[in-house]
Amino acid sequence: MTRATTTSACLGNAASTMEATGQFIWAVGSLFQRLLDSGDEEGVLSPSMIAGVGHGLRLVGVRLQQDAEHYLERVQSDAKPSTQNAESEIVSANVAVSV
């Protein structure tokens, strides 16, 4: 396994983890918002605290999901061979054949 392949695999795993974490945090934030909207809070937290925590969690969740998309794009671009490398491999192959 080459270093680029290892890096791509690590970034892919990080992206999957970040996306899943983002979805979970967003869901928890949404749950807080539903709790606030339902009016069933038991007085454990004030409505403004519930609203603040819910909003903050949703923002963090969205950011993690966006970062995951960025990492996935990077992994996909790292997986594509560059044109320059492909051209140098073709030249090397032609030299080897002609020798």
C-alpha atoms as a PDB file:
ATOM      1  CA  MET A   1       0.000   0.000   0.000  1.00  0.00           C
ATOM      2  CA  THR A   2       1.516   3.334  -1.023  1.00  0.00           C
ATOM      3  CA  ARG A   3       1.580   6.418   1.151  1.00  0.00           C
ATOM      4  CA  ALA A   4      -1.013   8.123  -1.081  1.00  0.00           C
ATOM      5  CA  THR A   5      -3.312   5.103  -0.826  1.00  0.00           C
ATOM      6  CA  THR A   6      -2.910   5.022   2.955  1.00  0.00           C
ATOM      7  CA  THR A   7      -3.601   8.751   3.195  1.00  0.00           C
ATOM      8  CA  SER A   8      -6.675   8.407   0.989  1.00  0.00           C
ATOM      9  CA  ALA A   9      -7.978   5.530   3.108  1.00  0.00           C
ATOM     10  CA  CYS A  10      -7.436   7.516   6.314  1.00  0.00           C
ATOM     11  CA  LEU A  11      -9.167  10.582   4.892  1.00  0.00           C
ATOM     12  CA  GLY A  12     -12.038   8.416   3.678  1.00  0.00           C
ATOM     13  CA  ASN A  13     -12.457   6.924   7.146  1.00  0.00           C
ATOM     14  CA  ALA A  14     -12.242  10.377   8.739  1.00  0.00           C
ATOM     15  CA  ALA A  15     -14.857  11.692   6.332  1.00  0.00           C
ATOM     16  CA  SER A  16     -17.237   8.826   7.129  1.00  0.00           C
ATOM     17  CA  THR A  17     -16.752   9.334  10.857  1.00  0.00           C
ATOM     18  CA  MET A  18     -17.226  13.089  10.567  1.00  0.00           C
ATOM     19  CA  GLU A  19     -20.362  12.691   8.502  1.00  0.00           C
ATOM     20  CA  ALA A  20     -21.873  10.192  10.951  1.00  0.00           C
ATOM     21  CA  THR A  21     -20.931  12.390  13.907  1.00  0.00           C
ATOM     22  CA  GLY A  22     -22.403  15.413  12.182  1.00  0.00           C
ATOM     23  CA  GLN A  23     -25.662  13.589  11.525  1.00  0.00           C
ATOM     24  CA  PHE A  24     -25.854  12.452  15.154  1.00  0.00           C
ATOM     25  CA  ILE A  25     -25.138  15.898  16.576  1.00  0.00           C
ATOM     26  CA  TRP A  26     -27.644  17.481  14.200  1.00  0.00           C
ATOM     27  CA  ALA A  27     -30.262  14.922  15.312  1.00  0.00           C
ATOM     28  CA  VAL A  28     -29.596  15.666  18.999  1.00  0.00           C
ATOM     29  CA  GLY A  29     -29.934  19.388  18.270  1.00  0.00           C
ATOM     30  CA  SER A  30     -33.214  18.741  16.485  1.00  0.00           C
ATOM     31  CA  LEU A  31     -34.415  16.692  19.460  1.00  0.00           C
ATOM     32  CA  PHE A  32     -33.700  19.630  21.756  1.00  0.00           C
ATOM     33  CA  GLN A  33     -35.654  21.897  19.417  1.00  0.00           C
ATOM     34  CA  ARG A  34     -38.630  19.510  19.380  1.00  0.00           C
ATOM     35  CA  LEU A  35     -38.514  19.343  23.178  1.00  0.00           C
ATOM     36  CA  LEU A  36     -38.638  23.123  23.326  1.00  0.00           C
ATOM     37  CA  ASP A  37     -41.427  23.326  20.743  1.00  0.00           C
ATOM     38  CA  SER A  38     -43.546  20.725  22.548  1.00  0.00           C
ATOM     39  CA  GLY A  39     -43.473  22.663  25.816  1.00  0.00           C
ATOM     40  CA  ASP A  40     -42.945  19.444  27.809  1.00  0.00           C
ATOM     41  CA  GLU A  41     -39.665  20.444  29.440  1.00  0.00           C
ATOM     42  CA  GLU A  42     -39.662  19.544  33.121  1.00  0.00           C
ATOM     43  CA  GLY A  43     -37.838  22.639  34.274  1.00  0.00           C
ATOM     44  CA  VAL A  44     -34.451  20.913  34.175  1.00  0.00           C
ATOM     45  CA  LEU A  45     -33.222  23.472  31.668  1.00  0.00           C
ATOM     46  CA  SER A  46     -34.757  26.807  30.851  1.00  0.00           C
ATOM     47  CA  PRO A  47     -36.323  27.129  27.408  1.00  0.00           C
ATOM     48  CA  SER A  48     -33.624  29.590  26.343  1.00  0.00           C
ATOM     49  CA  MET A  49     -30.896  27.120  27.356  1.00  0.00           C
ATOM     50  CA  ILE A  50     -32.585  24.305  25.451  1.00  0.00           C
ATOM     51  CA  ALA A  51     -32.940  26.554  22.406  1.00  0.00           C
ATOM     52  CA  GLY A  52     -29.283  27.617  22.615  1.00  0.00           C
ATOM     53  CA  VAL A  53     -27.949  24.090  23.006  1.00  0.00           C
ATOM     54  CA  GLY A  54     -30.175  22.785  20.224  1.00  0.00           C
ATOM     55  CA  HIS A  55     -29.154  25.553  17.847  1.00  0.00           C
ATOM     56  CA  GLY A  56     -25.465  25.107  18.659  1.00  0.00           C
ATOM     57  CA  LEU A  57     -25.606  21.354  18.148  1.00  0.00           C
ATOM     58  CA  ARG A  58     -27.326  21.736  14.795  1.00  0.00           C
ATOM     59  CA  LEU A  59     -24.661  24.223  13.660  1.00  0.00           C
ATOM     60  CA  VAL A  60     -21.850  21.876  14.723  1.00  0.00           C
ATOM     61  CA  GLY A  61     -23.587  18.954  13.021  1.00  0.00           C
ATOM     62  CA  VAL A  62     -23.949  20.825   9.741  1.00  0.00           C
ATOM     63  CA  ARG A  63     -20.304  21.941   9.870  1.00  0.00           C
ATOM     64  CA  LEU A  64     -19.083  18.380  10.450  1.00  0.00           C
ATOM     65  CA  GLN A  65     -21.140  17.131   7.528  1.00  0.00           C
ATOM     66  CA  GLN A  66     -19.733  19.892   5.282  1.00  0.00           C
ATOM     67  CA  ASP A  67     -16.182  19.056   6.383  1.00  0.00           C
ATOM     68  CA  ALA A  68     -16.863  15.394   5.600  1.00  0.00           C
ATOM     69  CA  GLU A  69     -17.893  16.349   2.059  1.00  0.00           C
ATOM     70  CA  HIS A  70     -14.652  18.349   1.691  1.00  0.00           C
ATOM     71  CA  TYR A  71     -12.558  15.380   2.836  1.00  0.00           C
ATOM     72  CA  LEU A  72     -14.400  13.030   0.480  1.00  0.00           C
ATOM     73  CA  GLU A  73     -13.680  15.378  -2.431  1.00  0.00           C
ATOM     74  CA  ARG A  74     -10.012  15.402  -1.416  1.00  0.00           C
ATOM     75  CA  VAL A  75      -9.908  11.606  -1.250  1.00  0.00           C
ATOM     76  CA  GLN A  76     -11.471  11.337  -4.691  1.00  0.00           C
ATOM     77  CA  SER A  77      -9.014  13.835  -6.190  1.00  0.00           C
ATOM     78  CA  ASP A  78      -6.056  12.037  -4.533  1.00  0.00           C
ATOM     79  CA  ALA A  79      -7.226   8.735  -6.016  1.00  0.00           C
ATOM     80  CA  LYS A  80      -7.065  10.068  -9.584  1.00  0.00           C
ATOM     81  CA  PRO A  81      -3.611   9.771 -11.148  1.00  0.00           C
ATOM     82  CA  SER A  82      -2.218  13.100 -12.238  1.00  0.00           C
ATOM     83  CA  THR A  83      -1.700  13.689 -15.950  1.00  0.00           C
ATOM     84  CA  GLN A  84       1.983  14.422 -15.427  1.00  0.00           C
ATOM     85  CA  ASN A  85       2.566  11.110 -13.628  1.00  0.00           C
ATOM     86  CA  ALA A  86       0.673   9.222 -16.316  1.00  0.00           C
ATOM     87  CA  GLU A  87       2.722  10.882 -19.059  1.00  0.00           C
ATOM     88  CA  SER A  88       6.022  10.102 -17.318  1.00  0.00           C
ATOM     89  CA  GLU A  89       4.956   6.459 -16.913  1.00  0.00           C
ATOM     90  CA  ILE A  90       4.176   6.268 -20.645  1.00  0.00           C
ATOM     91  CA  VAL A  91       7.573   7.763 -21.531  1.00  0.00           C
ATOM     92  CA  SER A  92       9.303   5.313 -19.165  1.00  0.00           C
ATOM     93  CA  ALA A  93       7.437   2.406 -20.740  1.00  0.00           C
ATOM     94  CA  ASN A  94       8.384   3.549 -24.252  1.00  0.00           C
ATOM     95  CA  VAL A  95      12.052   3.838 -23.262  1.00  0.00           C
ATOM     96  CA  ALA A  96      11.991   0.362 -21.716  1.00  0.00           C
ATOM     97  CA  VAL A  97      10.417  -1.115 -24.848  1.00  0.00           C
ATOM     98  CA  SER A  98      12.900   0.548 -27.217  1.00  0.00           C
ATOM     99  CA  VAL A  99      15.951  -0.613 -25.201  1.00  0.00           C
END
